[in-house]
Amino acid sequence: MYTFQYEVVSIDGDYANLKRIDAQEDDLKLVARALLPPQIREGTKLLYEMMEYSVMED
């Protein structure tokens, strides 16, 4: 399975823009907030694995 790391760049209503931080990518990924942990804020780092997002601990 693949594992990706993202950072929440912005939140716009029911959607969040995520930027991949474990690889060089310029594009943002638009994700429905219903798929993300409820406690996210701008700057939150997320881990995506097994088709699920979770908050990364610092």
C-alpha atoms as a PDB file:
ATOM      1  CA  MET A   1       0.000   0.000   0.000  1.00  0.00           C
ATOM      2  CA  TYR A   2       1.083   3.549  -0.634  1.00  0.00           C
ATOM      3  CA  THR A   3       1.617   6.145   2.092  1.00  0.00           C
ATOM      4  CA  PHE A   4       1.501   9.897   1.432  1.00  0.00           C
ATOM      5  CA  GLN A   5       2.034  12.954   3.622  1.00  0.00           C
ATOM      6  CA  TYR A   6       0.052  16.158   3.148  1.00  0.00           C
ATOM      7  CA  GLU A   7      -0.309  19.569   4.743  1.00  0.00           C
ATOM      8  CA  VAL A   8      -3.619  21.433   4.869  1.00  0.00           C
ATOM      9  CA  VAL A   9      -2.996  24.620   2.895  1.00  0.00           C
ATOM     10  CA  SER A  10      -6.496  26.092   3.082  1.00  0.00           C
ATOM     11  CA  ILE A  11     -10.039  25.222   4.046  1.00  0.00           C
ATOM     12  CA  ASP A  12     -12.916  26.402   1.880  1.00  0.00           C
ATOM     13  CA  GLY A  13     -16.314  25.394   3.212  1.00  0.00           C
ATOM     14  CA  ASP A  14     -16.761  21.636   2.831  1.00  0.00           C
ATOM     15  CA  TYR A  15     -13.391  21.158   1.125  1.00  0.00           C
ATOM     16  CA  ALA A  16      -9.708  21.410   2.027  1.00  0.00           C
ATOM     17  CA  ASN A  17      -6.730  21.990  -0.238  1.00  0.00           C
ATOM     18  CA  LEU A  18      -3.863  19.640   0.546  1.00  0.00           C
ATOM     19  CA  LYS A  19      -0.230  19.926  -0.575  1.00  0.00           C
ATOM     20  CA  ARG A  20       1.933  16.857  -0.697  1.00  0.00           C
ATOM     21  CA  ILE A  21       4.985  17.297   1.545  1.00  0.00           C
ATOM     22  CA  ASP A  22       6.785  13.969   1.089  1.00  0.00           C
ATOM     23  CA  ALA A  23       7.410  14.490  -2.630  1.00  0.00           C
ATOM     24  CA  GLN A  24       7.946  17.411  -4.975  1.00  0.00           C
ATOM     25  CA  GLU A  25       4.524  18.363  -6.368  1.00  0.00           C
ATOM     26  CA  ASP A  26       3.152  21.774  -7.273  1.00  0.00           C
ATOM     27  CA  ASP A  27      -0.501  20.772  -7.536  1.00  0.00           C
ATOM     28  CA  LEU A  28      -2.956  20.982  -4.666  1.00  0.00           C
ATOM     29  CA  LYS A  29      -5.382  18.168  -3.971  1.00  0.00           C
ATOM     30  CA  LEU A  30      -8.996  19.142  -3.233  1.00  0.00           C
ATOM     31  CA  VAL A  31     -10.520  16.782  -0.648  1.00  0.00           C
ATOM     32  CA  ALA A  32     -13.975  16.788   0.943  1.00  0.00           C
ATOM     33  CA  ARG A  33     -13.722  17.594   4.657  1.00  0.00           C
ATOM     34  CA  ALA A  34     -16.011  14.658   5.406  1.00  0.00           C
ATOM     35  CA  LEU A  35     -13.055  12.404   4.487  1.00  0.00           C
ATOM     36  CA  LEU A  36     -10.653  14.222   6.824  1.00  0.00           C
ATOM     37  CA  PRO A  37     -10.285  14.195  10.624  1.00  0.00           C
ATOM     38  CA  PRO A  38     -12.653  16.786  12.170  1.00  0.00           C
ATOM     39  CA  GLN A  39      -9.907  18.642  14.085  1.00  0.00           C
ATOM     40  CA  ILE A  40      -7.933  19.799  11.028  1.00  0.00           C
ATOM     41  CA  ARG A  41      -6.829  23.410  10.667  1.00  0.00           C
ATOM     42  CA  GLU A  42      -4.607  25.181   8.163  1.00  0.00           C
ATOM     43  CA  GLY A  43      -1.084  23.854   8.671  1.00  0.00           C
ATOM     44  CA  THR A  44      -2.204  20.458   9.993  1.00  0.00           C
ATOM     45  CA  LYS A  45      -0.060  17.618   8.653  1.00  0.00           C
ATOM     46  CA  LEU A  46      -1.903  14.511   7.513  1.00  0.00           C
ATOM     47  CA  LEU A  47      -0.893  10.958   6.743  1.00  0.00           C
ATOM     48  CA  TYR A  48      -2.807   9.081   4.036  1.00  0.00           C
ATOM     49  CA  GLU A  49      -2.604   5.306   4.124  1.00  0.00           C
ATOM     50  CA  MET A  50      -5.019   2.425   3.636  1.00  0.00           C
ATOM     51  CA  MET A  51      -7.497   4.900   2.019  1.00  0.00           C
ATOM     52  CA  GLU A  52      -7.750   6.941   5.240  1.00  0.00           C
ATOM     53  CA  TYR A  53      -6.424  10.284   6.453  1.00  0.00           C
ATOM     54  CA  SER A  54      -5.052  10.733   9.979  1.00  0.00           C
ATOM     55  CA  VAL A  55      -3.323  13.606  11.771  1.00  0.00           C
ATOM     56  CA  MET A  56       0.454  13.222  11.978  1.00  0.00           C
ATOM     57  CA  GLU A  57       2.036  13.711  15.393  1.00  0.00           C
ATOM     58  CA  ASP A  58       5.027  16.079  15.505  1.00  0.00           C
END
